[in-house]
Amino acid sequence: MIIIAVIIAIGIYLLTGVYQVGPSEVALVKTFGEYKSTAGPGIHVHLPYPFQSHVIVDVRTINKVELGFRTTSTGRTPTYRSVTDEAEMITGDQNIISIEAVVQYRVNDPVAYAFNVIQGYDLVKSTSESVLRERVALSELENVLTTERDQIAMETAERVQSILDSYNSGILIQNVYLQAVTPPEPVVPAFDDVNNARQDQQTSINEAQRYANDIIPKAEGEAQRILNDAQAYAYEQVAKATGEAERFKALLEEYQNSQDITRKRLILDSVQQMIKNAKIQVVSEEGNTLNFLDLSEIIGGDAQ
């Protein structure tokens, strides 16, 4: 019985060197307390205690730190409770604002996390709360509620990561969300009025921009049409003037060659044009009698 008991005791002792690592975990194997190697998921064996031991670190799970609230129950309809001391912060213009934030992180260096950090959750929580309060204190209340909300979250994540890196914590900040940012309870109606006014202002701006987008292309098109008509008219007038100039040059050349004949032809052409446009013509016959030839009776129309 003694021998069996000894064998069982030895077997139990040897089993202390057998361990299992989960799918999202790694095992840090230590020899006499000093880190030696890392083992991935699966069943592994090392020398029994106190020769060797191991530390399991989850490196894939996204952990969550809640600031300003706590989740009291999960499921299809989760419930929360406020933590006023954490949520209330002071802005740069000496106002109090309530902020509920979520910080997501994971372990990206298991060796640094296991041997340099005692409580990773508490480290992330205290660092995030401190940095967030410091950043909110640099902004005015209205900006925190509206335009700078996303910027504050991004800058907080960057600053927290920088501090954790300086500690060689092996922690990677995934995201910082400001999921609830509200003014103090007594001034909520006033801020609602401000937000409604800002929305009305933006609506008016959008309507004006839509009208401008509609009318400006039409005006530009009309201006281009007028410009094209003006250019066409200019080309037409220049072409006519050029043609008249060329005709005059040709006529001048003919006049210089035979002045008398050209003069008579010009006179006859002018008289012919005058007769052509007249409705009543006076025809001189032999003798002293003048007969009036009324062309309007021939071509139709009233005589003038």
C-alpha atoms as a PDB file:
ATOM      1  CA  MET A   1       0.000   0.000   0.000  1.00  0.00           C
ATOM      2  CA  ILE A   2       2.867   2.298   0.786  1.00  0.00           C
ATOM      3  CA  ILE A   3       4.462   1.605  -2.603  1.00  0.00           C
ATOM      4  CA  ILE A   4       1.138   2.263  -4.377  1.00  0.00           C
ATOM      5  CA  ALA A   5       0.707   5.485  -2.437  1.00  0.00           C
ATOM      6  CA  VAL A   6       4.216   6.591  -3.390  1.00  0.00           C
ATOM      7  CA  ILE A   7       3.596   5.772  -7.055  1.00  0.00           C
ATOM      8  CA  ILE A   8       0.357   7.731  -7.010  1.00  0.00           C
ATOM      9  CA  ALA A   9       2.035  10.665  -5.351  1.00  0.00           C
ATOM     10  CA  ILE A  10       4.843  10.615  -7.922  1.00  0.00           C
ATOM     11  CA  GLY A  11       2.281  10.440 -10.740  1.00  0.00           C
ATOM     12  CA  ILE A  12       0.365  13.400  -9.342  1.00  0.00           C
ATOM     13  CA  TYR A  13       3.614  15.327  -8.981  1.00  0.00           C
ATOM     14  CA  LEU A  14       4.613  14.618 -12.582  1.00  0.00           C
ATOM     15  CA  LEU A  15       1.187  15.709 -13.777  1.00  0.00           C
ATOM     16  CA  THR A  16       1.950  19.198 -12.521  1.00  0.00           C
ATOM     17  CA  GLY A  17       4.096  19.535 -15.641  1.00  0.00           C
ATOM     18  CA  VAL A  18       1.167  18.863 -17.978  1.00  0.00           C
ATOM     19  CA  TYR A  19      -0.890  21.896 -19.023  1.00  0.00           C
ATOM     20  CA  GLN A  20      -3.340  22.970 -21.707  1.00  0.00           C
ATOM     21  CA  VAL A  21      -3.399  26.304 -23.604  1.00  0.00           C
ATOM     22  CA  GLY A  22      -6.650  27.635 -25.055  1.00  0.00           C
ATOM     23  CA  PRO A  23      -7.170  28.835 -28.656  1.00  0.00           C
ATOM     24  CA  SER A  24      -6.807  32.534 -27.754  1.00  0.00           C
ATOM     25  CA  GLU A  25      -4.008  32.032 -25.231  1.00  0.00           C
ATOM     26  CA  VAL A  26      -0.267  31.490 -25.011  1.00  0.00           C
ATOM     27  CA  ALA A  27       1.732  29.939 -22.162  1.00  0.00           C
ATOM     28  CA  LEU A  28       4.929  31.513 -20.870  1.00  0.00           C
ATOM     29  CA  VAL A  29       7.178  28.742 -19.524  1.00  0.00           C
ATOM     30  CA  LYS A  30       9.483  29.649 -16.614  1.00  0.00           C
ATOM     31  CA  THR A  31      12.473  27.726 -15.270  1.00  0.00           C
ATOM     32  CA  PHE A  32      13.073  28.484 -11.602  1.00  0.00           C
ATOM     33  CA  GLY A  33      10.966  31.636 -12.109  1.00  0.00           C
ATOM     34  CA  GLU A  34      12.878  32.913 -15.159  1.00  0.00           C
ATOM     35  CA  TYR A  35      11.086  33.143 -18.517  1.00  0.00           C
ATOM     36  CA  LYS A  36      12.396  30.611 -21.044  1.00  0.00           C
ATOM     37  CA  SER A  37       9.892  29.992 -23.855  1.00  0.00           C
ATOM     38  CA  THR A  38       6.377  30.536 -25.186  1.00  0.00           C
ATOM     39  CA  ALA A  39       3.925  27.740 -26.038  1.00  0.00           C
ATOM     40  CA  GLY A  40       0.914  28.095 -28.291  1.00  0.00           C
ATOM     41  CA  PRO A  41      -2.565  26.521 -28.066  1.00  0.00           C
ATOM     42  CA  GLY A  42      -2.730  22.801 -27.262  1.00  0.00           C
ATOM     43  CA  ILE A  43      -1.529  20.320 -24.574  1.00  0.00           C
ATOM     44  CA  HIS A  44       2.088  20.703 -23.472  1.00  0.00           C
ATOM     45  CA  VAL A  45       4.480  19.247 -20.910  1.00  0.00           C
ATOM     46  CA  HIS A  46       7.284  20.836 -18.915  1.00  0.00           C
ATOM     47  CA  LEU A  47       9.272  19.808 -15.858  1.00  0.00           C
ATOM     48  CA  PRO A  48       7.186  19.629 -12.682  1.00  0.00           C
ATOM     49  CA  TYR A  49       7.159  22.318 -10.046  1.00  0.00           C
ATOM     50  CA  PRO A  50       9.426  23.827  -8.728  1.00  0.00           C
ATOM     51  CA  PHE A  51      11.725  23.208 -11.689  1.00  0.00           C
ATOM     52  CA  GLN A  52       9.420  24.729 -14.245  1.00  0.00           C
ATOM     53  CA  SER A  53       6.071  26.549 -14.221  1.00  0.00           C
ATOM     54  CA  HIS A  54       3.927  28.474 -16.691  1.00  0.00           C
ATOM     55  CA  VAL A  55       1.729  31.548 -16.956  1.00  0.00           C
ATOM     56  CA  ILE A  56      -1.313  31.638 -19.266  1.00  0.00           C
ATOM     57  CA  VAL A  57      -1.965  34.940 -21.073  1.00  0.00           C
ATOM     58  CA  ASP A  58      -4.977  35.669 -23.298  1.00  0.00           C
ATOM     59  CA  VAL A  59      -3.673  37.561 -26.351  1.00  0.00           C
ATOM     60  CA  ARG A  60      -6.733  37.613 -28.642  1.00  0.00           C
ATOM     61  CA  THR A  61      -9.722  38.516 -26.504  1.00  0.00           C
ATOM     62  CA  ILE A  62     -10.764  42.177 -26.648  1.00  0.00           C
ATOM     63  CA  ASN A  63     -11.133  43.432 -23.083  1.00  0.00           C
ATOM     64  CA  LYS A  64     -13.390  46.340 -22.125  1.00  0.00           C
ATOM     65  CA  VAL A  65     -13.052  49.073 -19.516  1.00  0.00           C
ATOM     66  CA  GLU A  66     -16.190  51.062 -18.656  1.00  0.00           C
ATOM     67  CA  LEU A  67     -15.826  54.657 -17.468  1.00  0.00           C
ATOM     68  CA  GLY A  68     -18.783  56.489 -15.924  1.00  0.00           C
ATOM     69  CA  PHE A  69     -21.105  53.465 -15.935  1.00  0.00           C
ATOM     70  CA  ARG A  70     -21.232  49.734 -15.302  1.00  0.00           C
ATOM     71  CA  THR A  71     -23.073  46.964 -17.112  1.00  0.00           C
ATOM     72  CA  THR A  72     -25.342  45.254 -14.589  1.00  0.00           C
ATOM     73  CA  SER A  73     -26.761  42.571 -16.880  1.00  0.00           C
ATOM     74  CA  THR A  74     -26.158  41.326 -20.402  1.00  0.00           C
ATOM     75  CA  GLY A  75     -28.376  39.625 -22.931  1.00  0.00           C
ATOM     76  CA  ARG A  76     -30.992  40.843 -25.388  1.00  0.00           C
ATOM     77  CA  THR A  77     -31.838  43.823 -23.163  1.00  0.00           C
ATOM     78  CA  PRO A  78     -28.707  44.749 -21.174  1.00  0.00           C
ATOM     79  CA  THR A  79     -29.038  47.131 -18.251  1.00  0.00           C
ATOM     80  CA  TYR A  80     -26.603  49.713 -16.939  1.00  0.00           C
ATOM     81  CA  ARG A  81     -26.076  51.903 -13.927  1.00  0.00           C
ATOM     82  CA  SER A  82     -24.323  55.263 -13.765  1.00  0.00           C
ATOM     83  CA  VAL A  83     -21.179  55.933 -11.760  1.00  0.00           C
ATOM     84  CA  THR A  84     -21.481  59.660 -11.147  1.00  0.00           C
ATOM     85  CA  ASP A  85     -18.026  60.142  -9.665  1.00  0.00           C
ATOM     86  CA  GLU A  86     -16.396  58.790 -12.810  1.00  0.00           C
ATOM     87  CA  ALA A  87     -18.817  60.332 -15.319  1.00  0.00           C
ATOM     88  CA  GLU A  88     -18.729  63.966 -14.178  1.00  0.00           C
ATOM     89  CA  MET A  89     -15.810  65.981 -15.547  1.00  0.00           C
ATOM     90  CA  ILE A  90     -14.895  69.684 -15.666  1.00  0.00           C
ATOM     91  CA  THR A  91     -14.484  71.408 -19.041  1.00  0.00           C
ATOM     92  CA  GLY A  92     -12.141  74.249 -19.906  1.00  0.00           C
ATOM     93  CA  ASP A  93     -14.871  76.869 -19.356  1.00  0.00           C
ATOM     94  CA  GLN A  94     -15.538  75.588 -15.817  1.00  0.00           C
ATOM     95  CA  ASN A  95     -18.703  73.631 -16.634  1.00  0.00           C
ATOM     96  CA  ILE A  96     -19.553  70.131 -15.489  1.00  0.00           C
ATOM     97  CA  ILE A  97     -20.271  67.501 -18.124  1.00  0.00           C
ATOM     98  CA  SER A  98     -21.228  63.830 -17.828  1.00  0.00           C
ATOM     99  CA  ILE A  99     -19.252  61.429 -20.042  1.00  0.00           C
ATOM    100  CA  GLU A 100     -19.650  57.665 -20.337  1.00  0.00           C
ATOM    101  CA  ALA A 101     -16.796  56.038 -22.229  1.00  0.00           C
ATOM    102  CA  VAL A 102     -15.661  52.563 -23.250  1.00  0.00           C
ATOM    103  CA  VAL A 103     -11.993  51.628 -23.707  1.00  0.00           C
ATOM    104  CA  GLN A 104     -11.199  48.443 -25.633  1.00  0.00           C
ATOM    105  CA  TYR A 105      -7.770  46.832 -25.371  1.00  0.00           C
ATOM    106  CA  ARG A 106      -5.928  43.545 -25.790  1.00  0.00           C
ATOM    107  CA  VAL A 107      -2.522  42.081 -24.976  1.00  0.00           C
ATOM    108  CA  ASN A 108      -0.047  42.347 -27.850  1.00  0.00           C
ATOM    109  CA  ASP A 109       3.144  41.442 -25.926  1.00  0.00           C
ATOM    110  CA  PRO A 110       2.414  38.592 -23.475  1.00  0.00           C
ATOM    111  CA  VAL A 111       5.913  38.563 -21.967  1.00  0.00           C
ATOM    112  CA  ALA A 112       5.834  42.290 -21.109  1.00  0.00           C
ATOM    113  CA  TYR A 113       2.256  42.018 -19.872  1.00  0.00           C
ATOM    114  CA  ALA A 114       2.953  38.987 -17.630  1.00  0.00           C
ATOM    115  CA  PHE A 115       6.165  40.232 -16.036  1.00  0.00           C
ATOM    116  CA  ASN A 116       5.739  44.050 -16.029  1.00  0.00           C
ATOM    117  CA  VAL A 117       2.064  44.480 -15.130  1.00  0.00           C
ATOM    118  CA  ILE A 118       0.272  43.312 -12.004  1.00  0.00           C
ATOM    119  CA  GLN A 119      -3.315  44.371 -12.763  1.00  0.00           C
ATOM    120  CA  GLY A 120      -3.738  45.198 -16.463  1.00  0.00           C
ATOM    121  CA  TYR A 121      -7.412  46.168 -16.142  1.00  0.00           C
ATOM    122  CA  ASP A 122      -6.759  48.632 -13.323  1.00  0.00           C
ATOM    123  CA  LEU A 123      -3.801  50.123 -15.199  1.00  0.00           C
ATOM    124  CA  VAL A 124      -5.851  50.749 -18.330  1.00  0.00           C
ATOM    125  CA  LYS A 125      -8.806  52.111 -16.342  1.00  0.00           C
ATOM    126  CA  SER A 126      -6.848  54.589 -14.230  1.00  0.00           C
ATOM    127  CA  THR A 127      -4.724  55.762 -17.179  1.00  0.00           C
ATOM    128  CA  SER A 128      -7.743  56.228 -19.479  1.00  0.00           C
ATOM    129  CA  GLU A 129      -9.760  58.119 -16.872  1.00  0.00           C
ATOM    130  CA  SER A 130      -6.852  60.435 -16.097  1.00  0.00           C
ATOM    131  CA  VAL A 131      -6.108  61.191 -19.761  1.00  0.00           C
ATOM    132  CA  LEU A 132      -9.787  61.710 -20.629  1.00  0.00           C
ATOM    133  CA  ARG A 133     -10.281  64.172 -17.773  1.00  0.00           C
ATOM    134  CA  GLU A 134      -7.164  66.054 -18.828  1.00  0.00           C
ATOM    135  CA  ARG A 135      -8.329  66.259 -22.459  1.00  0.00           C
ATOM    136  CA  VAL A 136     -11.869  67.385 -21.567  1.00  0.00           C
ATOM    137  CA  ALA A 137     -10.405  70.139 -19.393  1.00  0.00           C
ATOM    138  CA  LEU A 138      -8.812  71.637 -22.537  1.00  0.00           C
ATOM    139  CA  SER A 139     -12.126  72.127 -24.376  1.00  0.00           C
ATOM    140  CA  GLU A 140     -15.264  74.161 -23.843  1.00  0.00           C
ATOM    141  CA  LEU A 141     -18.551  72.515 -22.949  1.00  0.00           C
ATOM    142  CA  GLU A 142     -20.293  73.154 -26.279  1.00  0.00           C
ATOM    143  CA  ASN A 143     -17.341  71.792 -28.272  1.00  0.00           C
ATOM    144  CA  VAL A 144     -17.212  68.606 -26.190  1.00  0.00           C
ATOM    145  CA  LEU A 145     -20.921  68.069 -26.841  1.00  0.00           C
ATOM    146  CA  THR A 146     -20.671  68.679 -30.604  1.00  0.00           C
ATOM    147  CA  THR A 147     -17.648  69.220 -32.832  1.00  0.00           C
ATOM    148  CA  GLU A 148     -14.757  67.828 -30.739  1.00  0.00           C
ATOM    149  CA  ARG A 149     -16.371  64.620 -29.511  1.00  0.00           C
ATOM    150  CA  ASP A 150     -14.664  62.254 -31.967  1.00  0.00           C
ATOM    151  CA  GLN A 151     -11.405  64.191 -31.770  1.00  0.00           C
ATOM    152  CA  ILE A 152     -11.310  63.850 -27.980  1.00  0.00           C
ATOM    153  CA  ALA A 153     -11.832  60.082 -28.223  1.00  0.00           C
ATOM    154  CA  MET A 154      -9.068  59.705 -30.812  1.00  0.00           C
ATOM    155  CA  GLU A 155      -6.579  61.861 -28.916  1.00  0.00           C
ATOM    156  CA  THR A 156      -7.374  60.037 -25.676  1.00  0.00           C
ATOM    157  CA  ALA A 157      -6.627  56.663 -27.284  1.00  0.00           C
ATOM    158  CA  GLU A 158      -3.317  57.937 -28.661  1.00  0.00           C
ATOM    159  CA  ARG A 159      -2.251  59.451 -25.327  1.00  0.00           C
ATOM    160  CA  VAL A 160      -3.211  56.355 -23.308  1.00  0.00           C
ATOM    161  CA  GLN A 161      -1.281  54.144 -25.724  1.00  0.00           C
ATOM    162  CA  SER A 162       1.782  56.360 -25.405  1.00  0.00           C
ATOM    163  CA  ILE A 163       1.694  56.127 -21.587  1.00  0.00           C
ATOM    164  CA  LEU A 164       1.215  52.345 -21.607  1.00  0.00           C
ATOM    165  CA  ASP A 165       4.120  51.968 -24.030  1.00  0.00           C
ATOM    166  CA  SER A 166       6.317  53.971 -21.677  1.00  0.00           C
ATOM    167  CA  TYR A 167       5.472  51.402 -18.984  1.00  0.00           C
ATOM    168  CA  ASN A 168       6.355  48.541 -21.385  1.00  0.00           C
ATOM    169  CA  SER A 169       2.974  47.069 -20.460  1.00  0.00           C
ATOM    170  CA  GLY A 170       2.430  44.971 -23.594  1.00  0.00           C
ATOM    171  CA  ILE A 171      -1.119  46.390 -23.904  1.00  0.00           C
ATOM    172  CA  LEU A 172      -2.598  47.648 -27.183  1.00  0.00           C
ATOM    173  CA  ILE A 173      -5.500  50.132 -27.089  1.00  0.00           C
ATOM    174  CA  GLN A 174      -8.007  49.182 -29.780  1.00  0.00           C
ATOM    175  CA  ASN A 175     -10.603  51.954 -29.448  1.00  0.00           C
ATOM    176  CA  VAL A 176     -11.973  54.641 -27.165  1.00  0.00           C
ATOM    177  CA  TYR A 177     -15.698  55.428 -27.531  1.00  0.00           C
ATOM    178  CA  LEU A 178     -17.531  58.342 -25.937  1.00  0.00           C
ATOM    179  CA  GLN A 179     -20.928  56.686 -26.033  1.00  0.00           C
ATOM    180  CA  ALA A 180     -22.807  59.208 -23.860  1.00  0.00           C
ATOM    181  CA  VAL A 181     -21.894  62.901 -23.547  1.00  0.00           C
ATOM    182  CA  THR A 182     -24.560  64.999 -21.838  1.00  0.00           C
ATOM    183  CA  PRO A 183     -24.710  68.418 -20.162  1.00  0.00           C
ATOM    184  CA  PRO A 184     -25.681  68.901 -16.525  1.00  0.00           C
ATOM    185  CA  GLU A 185     -29.347  68.126 -15.854  1.00  0.00           C
ATOM    186  CA  PRO A 186     -30.493  71.724 -15.080  1.00  0.00           C
ATOM    187  CA  VAL A 187     -29.328  73.068 -18.465  1.00  0.00           C
ATOM    188  CA  VAL A 188     -30.506  70.200 -20.686  1.00  0.00           C
ATOM    189  CA  PRO A 189     -33.518  72.195 -22.095  1.00  0.00           C
ATOM    190  CA  ALA A 190     -31.262  75.109 -23.048  1.00  0.00           C
ATOM    191  CA  PHE A 191     -28.841  72.812 -24.852  1.00  0.00           C
ATOM    192  CA  ASP A 192     -31.736  71.154 -26.655  1.00  0.00           C
ATOM    193  CA  ASP A 193     -32.781  74.587 -27.931  1.00  0.00           C
ATOM    194  CA  VAL A 194     -29.227  75.272 -29.076  1.00  0.00           C
ATOM    195  CA  ASN A 195     -29.053  71.962 -30.927  1.00  0.00           C
ATOM    196  CA  ASN A 196     -32.415  72.591 -32.598  1.00  0.00           C
ATOM    197  CA  ALA A 197     -31.275  76.052 -33.683  1.00  0.00           C
ATOM    198  CA  ARG A 198     -28.056  74.602 -35.072  1.00  0.00           C
ATOM    199  CA  GLN A 199     -30.006  71.992 -37.027  1.00  0.00           C
ATOM    200  CA  ASP A 200     -32.282  74.713 -38.450  1.00  0.00           C
ATOM    201  CA  GLN A 201     -29.215  76.692 -39.429  1.00  0.00           C
ATOM    202  CA  GLN A 202     -27.712  73.719 -41.217  1.00  0.00           C
ATOM    203  CA  THR A 203     -31.016  73.073 -42.994  1.00  0.00           C
ATOM    204  CA  SER A 204     -31.100  76.663 -44.251  1.00  0.00           C
ATOM    205  CA  ILE A 205     -27.495  76.381 -45.423  1.00  0.00           C
ATOM    206  CA  ASN A 206     -28.275  73.172 -47.295  1.00  0.00           C
ATOM    207  CA  GLU A 207     -31.319  74.720 -48.977  1.00  0.00           C
ATOM    208  CA  ALA A 208     -29.318  77.782 -50.019  1.00  0.00           C
ATOM    209  CA  GLN A 209     -26.557  75.576 -51.368  1.00  0.00           C
ATOM    210  CA  ARG A 210     -29.088  73.503 -53.301  1.00  0.00           C
ATOM    211  CA  TYR A 211     -30.597  76.677 -54.822  1.00  0.00           C
ATOM    212  CA  ALA A 212     -27.117  77.935 -55.727  1.00  0.00           C
ATOM    213  CA  ASN A 213     -26.266  74.614 -57.344  1.00  0.00           C
ATOM    214  CA  ASP A 214     -29.429  74.921 -59.437  1.00  0.00           C
ATOM    215  CA  ILE A 215     -29.259  78.585 -60.475  1.00  0.00           C
ATOM    216  CA  ILE A 216     -25.521  78.992 -61.047  1.00  0.00           C
ATOM    217  CA  PRO A 217     -25.248  76.391 -63.869  1.00  0.00           C
ATOM    218  CA  LYS A 218     -28.268  77.990 -65.573  1.00  0.00           C
ATOM    219  CA  ALA A 219     -26.734  81.459 -65.320  1.00  0.00           C
ATOM    220  CA  GLU A 220     -23.403  80.178 -66.574  1.00  0.00           C
ATOM    221  CA  GLY A 221     -25.139  78.456 -69.501  1.00  0.00           C
ATOM    222  CA  GLU A 222     -27.079  81.636 -70.394  1.00  0.00           C
ATOM    223  CA  ALA A 223     -23.902  83.701 -70.177  1.00  0.00           C
ATOM    224  CA  GLN A 224     -22.116  81.257 -72.443  1.00  0.00           C
ATOM    225  CA  ARG A 225     -24.991  81.381 -74.941  1.00  0.00           C
ATOM    226  CA  ILE A 226     -24.896  85.192 -75.023  1.00  0.00           C
ATOM    227  CA  LEU A 227     -21.147  85.099 -75.460  1.00  0.00           C
ATOM    228  CA  ASN A 228     -21.442  82.623 -78.318  1.00  0.00           C
ATOM    229  CA  ASP A 229     -24.111  84.804 -80.011  1.00  0.00           C
ATOM    230  CA  ALA A 230     -21.900  87.867 -79.600  1.00  0.00           C
ATOM    231  CA  GLN A 231     -18.936  86.050 -81.078  1.00  0.00           C
ATOM    232  CA  ALA A 232     -21.044  84.806 -84.000  1.00  0.00           C
ATOM    233  CA  TYR A 233     -22.357  88.341 -84.620  1.00  0.00           C
ATOM    234  CA  ALA A 234     -18.816  89.712 -84.464  1.00  0.00           C
ATOM    235  CA  TYR A 235     -17.591  87.114 -86.958  1.00  0.00           C
ATOM    236  CA  GLU A 236     -20.523  87.959 -89.254  1.00  0.00           C
ATOM    237  CA  GLN A 237     -19.901  91.713 -89.107  1.00  0.00           C
ATOM    238  CA  VAL A 238     -16.180  91.278 -89.641  1.00  0.00           C
ATOM    239  CA  ALA A 239     -16.869  89.033 -92.640  1.00  0.00           C
ATOM    240  CA  LYS A 240     -19.306  91.592 -94.120  1.00  0.00           C
ATOM    241  CA  ALA A 241     -16.884  94.443 -93.508  1.00  0.00           C
ATOM    242  CA  THR A 242     -14.068  92.439 -95.066  1.00  0.00           C
ATOM    243  CA  GLY A 243     -16.238  91.690 -98.112  1.00  0.00           C
ATOM    244  CA  GLU A 244     -17.237  95.352 -98.495  1.00  0.00           C
ATOM    245  CA  ALA A 245     -13.627  96.409 -98.196  1.00  0.00           C
ATOM    246  CA  GLU A 246     -12.581  93.936-100.866  1.00  0.00           C
ATOM    247  CA  ARG A 247     -15.426  95.113-103.135  1.00  0.00           C
ATOM    248  CA  PHE A 248     -14.428  98.713-102.619  1.00  0.00           C
ATOM    249  CA  LYS A 249     -10.819  97.907-103.442  1.00  0.00           C
ATOM    250  CA  ALA A 250     -11.915  96.191-106.657  1.00  0.00           C
ATOM    251  CA  LEU A 251     -14.159  99.153-107.521  1.00  0.00           C
ATOM    252  CA  LEU A 252     -11.324 101.591-106.803  1.00  0.00           C
ATOM    253  CA  GLU A 253      -9.038  99.649-109.082  1.00  0.00           C
ATOM    254  CA  GLU A 254     -11.640  99.801-111.884  1.00  0.00           C
ATOM    255  CA  TYR A 255     -12.162 103.524-111.255  1.00  0.00           C
ATOM    256  CA  GLN A 256      -8.459 104.209-111.480  1.00  0.00           C
ATOM    257  CA  ASN A 257      -8.248 102.322-114.772  1.00  0.00           C
ATOM    258  CA  SER A 258     -11.232 104.046-116.455  1.00  0.00           C
ATOM    259  CA  GLN A 259     -12.641 106.855-114.390  1.00  0.00           C
ATOM    260  CA  ASP A 260     -15.352 108.128-116.803  1.00  0.00           C
ATOM    261  CA  ILE A 261     -16.876 104.736-117.509  1.00  0.00           C
ATOM    262  CA  THR A 262     -16.821 103.737-113.867  1.00  0.00           C
ATOM    263  CA  ARG A 263     -18.353 107.058-112.775  1.00  0.00           C
ATOM    264  CA  LYS A 264     -21.198 106.694-115.228  1.00  0.00           C
ATOM    265  CA  ARG A 265     -21.800 103.112-114.169  1.00  0.00           C
ATOM    266  CA  LEU A 266     -21.984 104.105-110.523  1.00  0.00           C
ATOM    267  CA  ILE A 267     -24.427 106.901-111.329  1.00  0.00           C
ATOM    268  CA  LEU A 268     -26.601 104.601-113.413  1.00  0.00           C
ATOM    269  CA  ASP A 269     -26.546 101.933-110.711  1.00  0.00           C
ATOM    270  CA  SER A 270     -27.611 104.472-108.108  1.00  0.00           C
ATOM    271  CA  VAL A 271     -30.437 105.804-110.278  1.00  0.00           C
ATOM    272  CA  GLN A 272     -31.568 102.289-111.060  1.00  0.00           C
ATOM    273  CA  GLN A 273     -31.650 101.435-107.368  1.00  0.00           C
ATOM    274  CA  MET A 274     -33.651 104.582-106.618  1.00  0.00           C
ATOM    275  CA  ILE A 275     -36.192 103.809-109.370  1.00  0.00           C
ATOM    276  CA  LYS A 276     -36.447 100.215-108.209  1.00  0.00           C
ATOM    277  CA  ASN A 277     -37.408 101.263-104.678  1.00  0.00           C
ATOM    278  CA  ALA A 278     -39.878 104.040-105.711  1.00  0.00           C
ATOM    279  CA  LYS A 279     -43.650 103.452-105.891  1.00  0.00           C
ATOM    280  CA  ILE A 280     -44.434 106.546-108.072  1.00  0.00           C
ATOM    281  CA  GLN A 281     -42.204 107.437-111.021  1.00  0.00           C
ATOM    282  CA  VAL A 282     -42.315 110.563-113.230  1.00  0.00           C
ATOM    283  CA  VAL A 283     -41.650 109.854-116.922  1.00  0.00           C
ATOM    284  CA  SER A 284     -40.670 112.752-119.214  1.00  0.00           C
ATOM    285  CA  GLU A 285     -41.975 112.457-122.779  1.00  0.00           C
ATOM    286  CA  GLU A 286     -41.578 114.688-125.772  1.00  0.00           C
ATOM    287  CA  GLY A 287     -43.258 118.024-125.393  1.00  0.00           C
ATOM    288  CA  ASN A 288     -44.182 119.949-122.315  1.00  0.00           C
ATOM    289  CA  THR A 289     -46.611 117.420-120.847  1.00  0.00           C
ATOM    290  CA  LEU A 290     -45.568 115.204-117.950  1.00  0.00           C
ATOM    291  CA  ASN A 291     -47.406 111.921-117.468  1.00  0.00           C
ATOM    292  CA  PHE A 292     -47.441 110.278-114.000  1.00  0.00           C
ATOM    293  CA  LEU A 293     -47.005 106.568-114.046  1.00  0.00           C
ATOM    294  CA  ASP A 294     -48.463 105.108-110.857  1.00  0.00           C
ATOM    295  CA  LEU A 295     -46.461 101.939-110.253  1.00  0.00           C
ATOM    296  CA  SER A 296     -48.596 100.980-107.260  1.00  0.00           C
ATOM    297  CA  GLU A 297     -51.471 100.245-109.590  1.00  0.00           C
ATOM    298  CA  ILE A 298     -49.239  97.885-111.487  1.00  0.00           C
ATOM    299  CA  ILE A 299     -47.428  96.176-108.597  1.00  0.00           C
ATOM    300  CA  GLY A 300     -50.171  96.656-106.024  1.00  0.00           C
ATOM    301  CA  GLY A 301     -50.193  98.633-102.782  1.00  0.00           C
ATOM    302  CA  ASP A 302     -50.879 102.227-101.778  1.00  0.00           C
ATOM    303  CA  ALA A 303     -49.106 105.020-103.660  1.00  0.00           C
ATOM    304  CA  GLN A 304     -46.830 107.302-101.637  1.00  0.00           C
END
